[in-house]
Amino acid sequence: MDRLYKKGLIANPRGKSKSVVLSDEGLQRSEELFRALFTRAK
């Protein structure tokens, strides 16, 4: 979690919460990676 936080991809992961909040940059990057890894090219 610390690596993702240091890269600015998630909000501060402090505490015992089992979920995190993605930053705008993190959301965009996750969507790009999802399309690259889990969709087929047309």
PDB file of N, CA and C in Angstrom:
ATOM      1  N   MET A   1       0.806  -1.185   0.000  1.00  0.00           N
ATOM      2  CA  MET A   1       0.000   0.000   0.000  1.00  0.00           C
ATOM      3  C   MET A   1       0.857   1.260   0.000  1.00  0.00           C
ATOM      4  N   ASP A   2       1.966   1.214   0.716  1.00  0.00           N
ATOM      5  CA  ASP A   2       2.823   2.397   0.780  1.00  0.00           C
ATOM      6  C   ASP A   2       3.358   2.778  -0.597  1.00  0.00           C
ATOM      7  N   ARG A   3       3.691   1.775  -1.418  1.00  0.00           N
ATOM      8  CA  ARG A   3       4.216   2.080  -2.758  1.00  0.00           C
ATOM      9  C   ARG A   3       3.158   2.779  -3.596  1.00  0.00           C
ATOM     10  N   LEU A   4       1.906   2.309  -3.537  1.00  0.00           N
ATOM     11  CA  LEU A   4       0.833   2.945  -4.299  1.00  0.00           C
ATOM     12  C   LEU A   4       0.585   4.368  -3.814  1.00  0.00           C
ATOM     13  N   TYR A   5       0.642   4.561  -2.505  1.00  0.00           N
ATOM     14  CA  TYR A   5       0.447   5.894  -1.932  1.00  0.00           C
ATOM     15  C   TYR A   5       1.573   6.836  -2.348  1.00  0.00           C
ATOM     16  N   LYS A   6       2.809   6.363  -2.303  1.00  0.00           N
ATOM     17  CA  LYS A   6       3.952   7.199  -2.679  1.00  0.00           C
ATOM     18  C   LYS A   6       3.911   7.594  -4.152  1.00  0.00           C
ATOM     19  N   LYS A   7       3.320   6.729  -5.009  1.00  0.00           N
ATOM     20  CA  LYS A   7       3.185   7.043  -6.430  1.00  0.00           C
ATOM     21  C   LYS A   7       1.985   7.944  -6.700  1.00  0.00           C
ATOM     22  N   GLY A   8       1.164   8.199  -5.675  1.00  0.00           N
ATOM     23  CA  GLY A   8      -0.003   9.063  -5.842  1.00  0.00           C
ATOM     24  C   GLY A   8      -1.199   8.365  -6.444  1.00  0.00           C
ATOM     25  N   LEU A   9      -1.223   7.030  -6.413  1.00  0.00           N
ATOM     26  CA  LEU A   9      -2.308   6.289  -7.037  1.00  0.00           C
ATOM     27  C   LEU A   9      -3.474   6.009  -6.093  1.00  0.00           C
ATOM     28  N   ILE A  10      -3.258   6.115  -4.779  1.00  0.00           N
ATOM     29  CA  ILE A  10      -4.336   5.937  -3.807  1.00  0.00           C
ATOM     30  C   ILE A  10      -4.248   7.027  -2.752  1.00  0.00           C
ATOM     31  N   ALA A  11      -5.372   7.216  -2.049  1.00  0.00           N
ATOM     32  CA  ALA A  11      -5.382   8.161  -0.929  1.00  0.00           C
ATOM     33  C   ALA A  11      -4.618   7.542   0.231  1.00  0.00           C
ATOM     34  N   ASN A  12      -4.395   8.304   1.260  1.00  0.00           N
ATOM     35  CA  ASN A  12      -3.630   7.858   2.420  1.00  0.00           C
ATOM     36  C   ASN A  12      -4.194   6.552   2.995  1.00  0.00           C
ATOM     37  N   PRO A  13      -3.409   5.466   3.026  1.00  0.00           N
ATOM     38  CA  PRO A  13      -3.898   4.153   3.461  1.00  0.00           C
ATOM     39  C   PRO A  13      -3.812   3.927   4.966  1.00  0.00           C
ATOM     40  N   ARG A  14      -3.717   4.953   5.755  1.00  0.00           N
ATOM     41  CA  ARG A  14      -3.582   4.807   7.208  1.00  0.00           C
ATOM     42  C   ARG A  14      -4.832   4.171   7.793  1.00  0.00           C
ATOM     43  N   GLY A  15      -4.651   3.393   8.848  1.00  0.00           N
ATOM     44  CA  GLY A  15      -5.780   2.794   9.548  1.00  0.00           C
ATOM     45  C   GLY A  15      -5.985   1.343   9.169  1.00  0.00           C
ATOM     46  N   LYS A  16      -7.055   0.784   9.657  1.00  0.00           N
ATOM     47  CA  LYS A  16      -7.338  -0.634   9.452  1.00  0.00           C
ATOM     48  C   LYS A  16      -8.405  -0.871   8.384  1.00  0.00           C
ATOM     49  N   SER A  17      -8.720   0.135   7.603  1.00  0.00           N
ATOM     50  CA  SER A  17      -9.734   0.013   6.569  1.00  0.00           C
ATOM     51  C   SER A  17      -9.317  -1.035   5.542  1.00  0.00           C
ATOM     52  N   LYS A  18     -10.288  -1.799   5.070  1.00  0.00           N
ATOM     53  CA  LYS A  18      -9.988  -2.844   4.088  1.00  0.00           C
ATOM     54  C   LYS A  18     -10.187  -2.356   2.660  1.00  0.00           C
ATOM     55  N   SER A  19     -10.462  -1.078   2.498  1.00  0.00           N
ATOM     56  CA  SER A  19     -10.614  -0.516   1.162  1.00  0.00           C
ATOM     57  C   SER A  19      -9.787   0.759   1.053  1.00  0.00           C
ATOM     58  N   VAL A  20      -9.513   1.165  -0.163  1.00  0.00           N
ATOM     59  CA  VAL A  20      -8.746   2.384  -0.411  1.00  0.00           C
ATOM     60  C   VAL A  20      -9.492   3.238  -1.422  1.00  0.00           C
ATOM     61  N   VAL A  21      -9.135   4.495  -1.512  1.00  0.00           N
ATOM     62  CA  VAL A  21      -9.725   5.422  -2.466  1.00  0.00           C
ATOM     63  C   VAL A  21      -8.682   5.710  -3.537  1.00  0.00           C
ATOM     64  N   LEU A  22      -9.061   5.495  -4.803  1.00  0.00           N
ATOM     65  CA  LEU A  22      -8.147   5.776  -5.909  1.00  0.00           C
ATOM     66  C   LEU A  22      -8.123   7.263  -6.206  1.00  0.00           C
ATOM     67  N   SER A  23      -6.954   7.779  -6.513  1.00  0.00           N
ATOM     68  CA  SER A  23      -6.850   9.161  -6.986  1.00  0.00           C
ATOM     69  C   SER A  23      -7.303   9.176  -8.445  1.00  0.00           C
ATOM     70  N   ASP A  24      -7.479  10.363  -9.010  1.00  0.00           N
ATOM     71  CA  ASP A  24      -7.866  10.456 -10.424  1.00  0.00           C
ATOM     72  C   ASP A  24      -6.830   9.772 -11.311  1.00  0.00           C
ATOM     73  N   GLU A  25      -5.549  10.001 -11.003  1.00  0.00           N
ATOM     74  CA  GLU A  25      -4.467   9.368 -11.768  1.00  0.00           C
ATOM     75  C   GLU A  25      -4.502   7.850 -11.603  1.00  0.00           C
ATOM     76  N   GLY A  26      -4.756   7.380 -10.389  1.00  0.00           N
ATOM     77  CA  GLY A  26      -4.822   5.946 -10.126  1.00  0.00           C
ATOM     78  C   GLY A  26      -5.974   5.288 -10.864  1.00  0.00           C
ATOM     79  N   LEU A  27      -7.121   5.964 -10.910  1.00  0.00           N
ATOM     80  CA  LEU A  27      -8.279   5.430 -11.626  1.00  0.00           C
ATOM     81  C   LEU A  27      -7.986   5.330 -13.117  1.00  0.00           C
ATOM     82  N   GLN A  28      -7.402   6.383 -13.679  1.00  0.00           N
ATOM     83  CA  GLN A  28      -7.070   6.377 -15.106  1.00  0.00           C
ATOM     84  C   GLN A  28      -6.083   5.256 -15.429  1.00  0.00           C
ATOM     85  N   ARG A  29      -5.052   5.123 -14.611  1.00  0.00           N
ATOM     86  CA  ARG A  29      -4.027   4.088 -14.838  1.00  0.00           C
ATOM     87  C   ARG A  29      -4.625   2.696 -14.713  1.00  0.00           C
ATOM     88  N   SER A  30      -5.509   2.487 -13.739  1.00  0.00           N
ATOM     89  CA  SER A  30      -6.115   1.166 -13.560  1.00  0.00           C
ATOM     90  C   SER A  30      -7.004   0.814 -14.752  1.00  0.00           C
ATOM     91  N   GLU A  31      -7.722   1.802 -15.298  1.00  0.00           N
ATOM     92  CA  GLU A  31      -8.551   1.544 -16.478  1.00  0.00           C
ATOM     93  C   GLU A  31      -7.689   1.187 -17.685  1.00  0.00           C
ATOM     94  N   GLU A  32      -6.578   1.898 -17.864  1.00  0.00           N
ATOM     95  CA  GLU A  32      -5.664   1.599 -18.973  1.00  0.00           C
ATOM     96  C   GLU A  32      -5.107   0.184 -18.855  1.00  0.00           C
ATOM     97  N   LEU A  33      -4.677  -0.187 -17.661  1.00  0.00           N
ATOM     98  CA  LEU A  33      -4.117  -1.526 -17.454  1.00  0.00           C
ATOM     99  C   LEU A  33      -5.172  -2.607 -17.633  1.00  0.00           C
ATOM    100  N   PHE A  34      -6.393  -2.349 -17.168  1.00  0.00           N
ATOM    101  CA  PHE A  34      -7.461  -3.327 -17.334  1.00  0.00           C
ATOM    102  C   PHE A  34      -7.706  -3.596 -18.817  1.00  0.00           C
ATOM    103  N   ARG A  35      -7.814  -2.515 -19.601  1.00  0.00           N
ATOM    104  CA  ARG A  35      -8.045  -2.689 -21.042  1.00  0.00           C
ATOM    105  C   ARG A  35      -6.888  -3.437 -21.704  1.00  0.00           C
ATOM    106  N   ALA A  36      -5.667  -3.124 -21.318  1.00  0.00           N
ATOM    107  CA  ALA A  36      -4.494  -3.763 -21.922  1.00  0.00           C
ATOM    108  C   ALA A  36      -4.403  -5.243 -21.557  1.00  0.00           C
ATOM    109  N   LEU A  37      -4.789  -5.594 -20.348  1.00  0.00           N
ATOM    110  CA  LEU A  37      -4.595  -6.963 -19.872  1.00  0.00           C
ATOM    111  C   LEU A  37      -5.805  -7.874 -20.051  1.00  0.00           C
ATOM    112  N   PHE A  38      -7.015  -7.313 -20.068  1.00  0.00           N
ATOM    113  CA  PHE A  38      -8.204  -8.159 -20.017  1.00  0.00           C
ATOM    114  C   PHE A  38      -9.179  -7.990 -21.167  1.00  0.00           C
ATOM    115  N   THR A  39      -8.828  -7.248 -22.196  1.00  0.00           N
ATOM    116  CA  THR A  39      -9.715  -7.128 -23.352  1.00  0.00           C
ATOM    117  C   THR A  39      -8.993  -7.607 -24.601  1.00  0.00           C
ATOM    118  N   ARG A  40      -9.772  -7.986 -25.562  1.00  0.00           N
ATOM    119  CA  ARG A  40      -9.202  -8.462 -26.827  1.00  0.00           C
ATOM    120  C   ARG A  40      -9.151  -7.328 -27.832  1.00  0.00           C
ATOM    121  N   ALA A  41      -8.113  -7.309 -28.630  1.00  0.00           N
ATOM    122  CA  ALA A  41      -8.004  -6.315 -29.699  1.00  0.00           C
ATOM    123  C   ALA A  41      -8.993  -6.663 -30.790  1.00  0.00           C
ATOM    124  N   LYS A  42      -9.544  -5.648 -31.426  1.00  0.00           N
ATOM    125  CA  LYS A  42     -10.540  -5.887 -32.487  1.00  0.00           C
ATOM    126  C   LYS A  42      -9.882  -6.113 -33.808  1.00  0.00           C
TER     127      LYS A  42
END
